Amino acid sequence: LRMLQVKLIITGDDFGYCPRRNQGIVDCFLAGAISNVSLLVNGSAAADAAKLARRYSIPIGLHANLSEGSPVCEVLKTNSSLLNQDGFFHGKMGFRTALSRGLLNMSEVKQELKAQVELFHELTGHLPPHMDGHQHVHVLPEVRHVFAEVLEEYGIKYTRIPVEPGLHNCDWIPPSLMDFYLGVEEDSFNTVDVFTKHGIRWPDIYIGLSTMGKNMSVSSIWSAINSAILEVTSRVPSPAHPALQNRTVTIELMVHPGYPSVPPTGGCGEGPDDFSQSWERLHELQTLIKPELQSHYKSKNIQLCSFKDL
């Protein structure tokens, strides 16, 4: 297995959420602790994030958002099925409820996704090399089809399928959150065929649910990576199997580093949420930049990269 090369994309999500999140993500990137970012174009500091990405040559993709804050499409800002009575997106669980009740107009979902791609292009000067969904909305029923169509239309090759190996054994995740994750997992399995049909690709392995916030530690990241590698190598019939010689395994680790948001600054139109104001963001930042994590990658032939390096 020494021949096994691992390409690890460490993506800092929610770039553009607020100036302190942006700063934390940049600090992490400059420390070599993340290798890629995902931009919320409706974030209050999105334009600033795009400038920082250009200044520091940070590889950047689109974190499509249909659940938090306000739409970027002008037409949908006033009267659309994507909005609740307060005029904002329905929220992480509210979006799922509205979807399951058949209240969301898929042509409006498509309109908003396209508007976000266009705004990303306007802010960065290029199309996103990868595009995923904030709060995993992109793998939900119906949405997955529209999402895939938009990616295909714009020639965006890569996305994220949030199925994490070993997730079921993570007994530190509280039951309510585990239920949410298992829902995401089921939706992800049902999305594979749709994305495949549209020629969309994603890394071999996704990790990041078991290592979020307070659950992040050098050892939790390490065991998630090890589970991932084990998962891939066990799919192959035997250790001497030629497919494994020089085989490259690609992994995406989703992370949320930052300095805590200070209200009223931040968010996507409604101000910053609890997670963004908590110490957990800073905890992720401090864990990711630990030198022992960095040296661990080196010793295991793990190369940090971004989607355009795949």
Foldseek 3Di string as FASTA:
>chain_A
DLLEAEEEAEEAEAQQQFPQLLVLVLVCVVLVLHQEYAYALLKNRRLVSLVSCVVVVRQYAHAQELAWFAFPDPVQQPDFLQQDPVSTGLHLVGNVVCVVVVSHDLVVLLVRRLSRQVSVCVSNVDGGLEYAYDSRPCLAPPNVLSSLVSCLVRVNAEYDQPDFQPLVVLVVDDPVVVVSSVVSNVSSVVNVVSNVVSNHDYFPHEEASCQAFPSNALVSVVVSVVSSVCVVVVVDDDPPDPCRRNPYGYYYHYYHAGAADDPPTGISHRRDDPVSRDCRNPVRSVRSSDVVSVVVCVVSNYHYHHSVVD
